[in-house]
Amino acid sequence: MLYESLILLDIEANPRLSPARSPIKPVTPGSVKILMLVEAGVIGFLAFWIVNEYVFNAYFHDYVDQLLGAHGTTFTAALGLGIGLAGSAIAATLYRNLQRAKYRLETITAPKIRGAVEKILSTLPTVEESQRASVAKASAPSSTTPFSSPPVTTLVPALLNNEQKKLSDSKA
């Protein structure tokens, strides 16, 4: 049953590719969702508690100010360096994974996918057929138009007698 669900358009799913590319959608169980909400609630409560301690406890307030005042620049530099290094490592890892995925898709599944795409495209109507149908619809006279276009008249300037004589004299 599971093996049959992994076949899509006569292409067997490649087990070496990531499970994220699987046609089966992942489902997060309800118990995991509840656990995530409980964890978020606990973190929110602890953050609220620390902020309350800082605001209402003079000793804790002095301790935090002294700690951050004496080592504030060190914390700032370490935090900035940590964020920068972590961001660079994540970007490098994502780029490497992207390159691997491109290579796998080009080398492993290209012939299988190409054959399936050609099979699907052969069943679709061609561009000429759809253009012929749209041209036939557009060129068919419509009896639903209540107004007809007026005849086009062009204005021809009339030459004066003197200009006509000049033209006839120049021809002779």
Protein backbone atom coordinates (compact mmCIF):
# COMPACT_ATOMS: atom_id res chain seq x y z
CA MET A 1 0.00 0.00 0.00
CA LEU A 2 2.73 2.46 0.97
CA TYR A 3 4.85 1.41 -2.00
CA GLU A 4 1.96 2.12 -4.37
CA SER A 5 1.42 5.59 -2.91
CA LEU A 6 5.03 6.54 -3.62
CA ILE A 7 4.67 5.98 -7.36
CA LEU A 8 3.74 9.22 -9.12
CA LEU A 9 3.24 9.26 -12.88
CA ASP A 10 5.14 6.00 -13.33
CA ILE A 11 8.13 7.44 -11.48
CA GLU A 12 9.25 5.60 -8.40
CA ALA A 13 10.25 7.84 -5.49
CA ASN A 14 13.97 7.86 -4.92
CA PRO A 15 14.75 6.76 -1.34
CA ARG A 16 18.04 8.70 -1.32
CA LEU A 17 16.28 12.03 -1.76
CA SER A 18 15.02 14.02 1.18
CA PRO A 19 11.72 12.93 2.73
CA ALA A 20 10.56 16.52 2.31
CA ARG A 21 10.22 15.80 -1.42
CA SER A 22 7.86 12.92 -0.73
CA PRO A 23 4.29 13.22 -2.01
CA ILE A 24 3.09 12.18 1.47
CA LYS A 25 2.50 15.28 3.59
CA PRO A 26 3.96 15.23 7.12
CA VAL A 27 1.51 15.53 9.98
CA THR A 28 2.36 16.97 13.39
CA PRO A 29 0.57 14.98 16.09
CA GLY A 30 -1.78 16.84 18.42
CA SER A 31 0.24 15.89 21.50
CA VAL A 32 3.35 17.56 20.03
CA LYS A 33 1.37 20.73 19.30
CA ILE A 34 0.11 20.80 22.89
CA LEU A 35 3.66 20.27 24.20
CA MET A 36 4.92 23.18 22.07
CA LEU A 37 2.18 25.45 23.46
CA VAL A 38 3.03 24.43 27.05
CA GLU A 39 6.73 25.15 26.44
CA ALA A 40 5.90 28.55 24.95
CA GLY A 41 3.72 29.33 27.97
CA VAL A 42 6.51 28.37 30.41
CA ILE A 43 9.05 30.51 28.53
CA GLY A 44 6.62 33.44 28.50
CA PHE A 45 5.96 33.06 32.24
CA LEU A 46 9.70 32.96 33.07
CA ALA A 47 10.36 36.06 30.92
CA PHE A 48 7.50 37.89 32.67
CA TRP A 49 8.91 36.83 36.06
CA ILE A 50 12.43 38.10 35.28
CA VAL A 51 11.12 41.45 34.02
CA ASN A 52 8.97 41.80 37.16
CA GLU A 53 11.98 41.01 39.38
CA TYR A 54 14.05 43.61 37.55
CA VAL A 55 11.38 46.30 37.92
CA PHE A 56 10.31 45.65 41.52
CA ASN A 57 13.42 44.19 43.23
CA ALA A 58 16.04 46.90 43.87
CA TYR A 59 18.80 44.38 44.64
CA PHE A 60 18.23 42.43 41.42
CA HIS A 61 18.02 45.74 39.52
CA ASP A 62 21.41 46.86 40.91
CA TYR A 63 22.96 43.43 40.20
CA VAL A 64 21.85 43.41 36.55
CA ASP A 65 22.96 47.03 36.02
CA GLN A 66 26.35 46.32 37.58
CA LEU A 67 26.83 43.12 35.57
CA LEU A 68 25.84 44.69 32.26
CA GLY A 69 27.64 47.97 33.01
CA ALA A 70 30.95 46.28 33.77
CA HIS A 71 30.79 43.69 30.99
CA GLY A 72 28.26 45.26 28.60
CA THR A 73 30.70 45.77 25.75
CA THR A 74 32.03 42.24 26.14
CA PHE A 75 28.51 40.80 26.02
CA THR A 76 27.66 42.95 23.00
CA ALA A 77 30.80 41.92 21.11
CA ALA A 78 30.35 38.24 21.95
CA LEU A 79 26.69 38.33 20.98
CA GLY A 80 27.42 40.07 17.67
CA LEU A 81 30.26 37.69 16.88
CA GLY A 82 28.12 34.69 17.78
CA ILE A 83 25.22 35.83 15.62
CA GLY A 84 27.56 36.58 12.71
CA LEU A 85 29.34 33.23 12.90
CA ALA A 86 26.11 31.30 13.33
CA GLY A 87 24.53 33.12 10.38
CA SER A 88 27.56 32.42 8.20
CA ALA A 89 27.58 28.74 9.17
CA ILE A 90 23.86 28.41 8.46
CA ALA A 91 24.21 30.17 5.09
CA ALA A 92 27.15 27.93 4.10
CA THR A 93 25.26 24.79 5.15
CA LEU A 94 22.13 25.80 3.25
CA TYR A 95 24.18 26.63 0.14
CA ARG A 96 25.96 23.27 0.31
CA ASN A 97 22.64 21.43 0.71
CA LEU A 98 21.21 23.35 -2.25
CA GLN A 99 24.15 22.37 -4.43
CA ARG A 100 23.83 18.72 -3.39
CA ALA A 101 20.10 18.73 -4.12
CA LYS A 102 20.67 20.28 -7.56
CA TYR A 103 23.33 17.71 -8.37
CA ARG A 104 21.12 14.83 -7.25
CA LEU A 105 18.15 16.09 -9.23
CA GLU A 106 20.25 16.57 -12.35
CA THR A 107 22.02 13.22 -12.21
CA ILE A 108 19.65 10.79 -10.52
CA THR A 109 16.12 11.65 -11.58
CA ALA A 110 16.61 13.64 -14.78
CA PRO A 111 15.90 10.81 -17.26
CA LYS A 112 12.88 9.60 -15.29
CA ILE A 113 11.40 13.07 -14.91
CA ARG A 114 12.16 14.02 -18.51
CA GLY A 115 10.26 10.97 -19.78
CA ALA A 116 7.28 11.73 -17.56
CA VAL A 117 7.22 15.38 -18.59
CA GLU A 118 7.36 14.45 -22.27
CA LYS A 119 4.50 12.01 -21.71
CA ILE A 120 2.38 14.69 -20.03
CA LEU A 121 3.22 17.32 -22.66
CA SER A 122 2.23 14.95 -25.47
CA THR A 123 -1.30 14.78 -24.07
CA LEU A 124 -1.72 18.57 -23.95
CA PRO A 125 -3.10 20.44 -26.98
CA THR A 126 -0.48 22.22 -29.05
CA VAL A 127 -0.22 25.97 -29.34
CA GLU A 128 -1.40 25.98 -32.96
CA GLU A 129 -4.63 24.17 -32.10
CA SER A 130 -5.47 26.60 -29.32
CA GLN A 131 -4.60 29.58 -31.52
CA ARG A 132 -6.82 28.28 -34.33
CA ALA A 133 -9.70 27.93 -31.90
CA SER A 134 -9.25 31.45 -30.54
CA VAL A 135 -8.89 32.93 -34.06
CA ALA A 136 -12.03 31.14 -35.20
CA LYS A 137 -13.96 32.52 -32.24
CA ALA A 138 -12.64 36.05 -32.82
CA SER A 139 -13.29 36.06 -36.59
CA ALA A 140 -16.87 34.75 -36.36
CA PRO A 141 -19.35 37.59 -36.92
CA SER A 142 -21.34 38.41 -33.85
CA SER A 143 -25.00 39.25 -34.17
CA THR A 144 -25.15 40.54 -30.62
CA THR A 145 -23.42 43.86 -31.37
CA PRO A 146 -26.17 46.51 -31.60
CA PHE A 147 -24.05 49.18 -33.21
CA SER A 148 -22.40 48.98 -36.60
CA SER A 149 -19.40 51.08 -37.48
CA PRO A 150 -20.09 54.09 -39.74
CA PRO A 151 -18.52 54.13 -43.20
CA VAL A 152 -15.13 55.81 -43.29
CA THR A 153 -14.86 58.87 -45.51
CA THR A 154 -11.61 60.50 -46.41
CA LEU A 155 -11.16 64.16 -47.11
CA VAL A 156 -9.32 65.07 -50.29
CA PRO A 157 -8.17 68.66 -50.50
CA ALA A 158 -9.41 70.46 -53.62
CA LEU A 159 -6.85 72.43 -55.57
CA LEU A 160 -7.59 75.98 -56.46
CA ASN A 161 -7.75 77.00 -60.14
CA ASN A 162 -4.34 78.73 -60.02
CA GLU A 163 -2.69 75.68 -58.50
CA GLN A 164 -4.30 73.40 -61.11
CA LYS A 165 -2.98 75.64 -63.92
CA LYS A 166 0.52 75.58 -62.41
CA LEU A 167 0.46 71.83 -62.25
CA SER A 168 -0.75 71.46 -65.83
CA ASP A 169 1.90 73.99 -67.05
CA SER A 170 4.69 72.13 -65.29
CA LYS A 171 3.62 68.82 -66.88
CA ALA A 172 3.72 70.28 -70.38
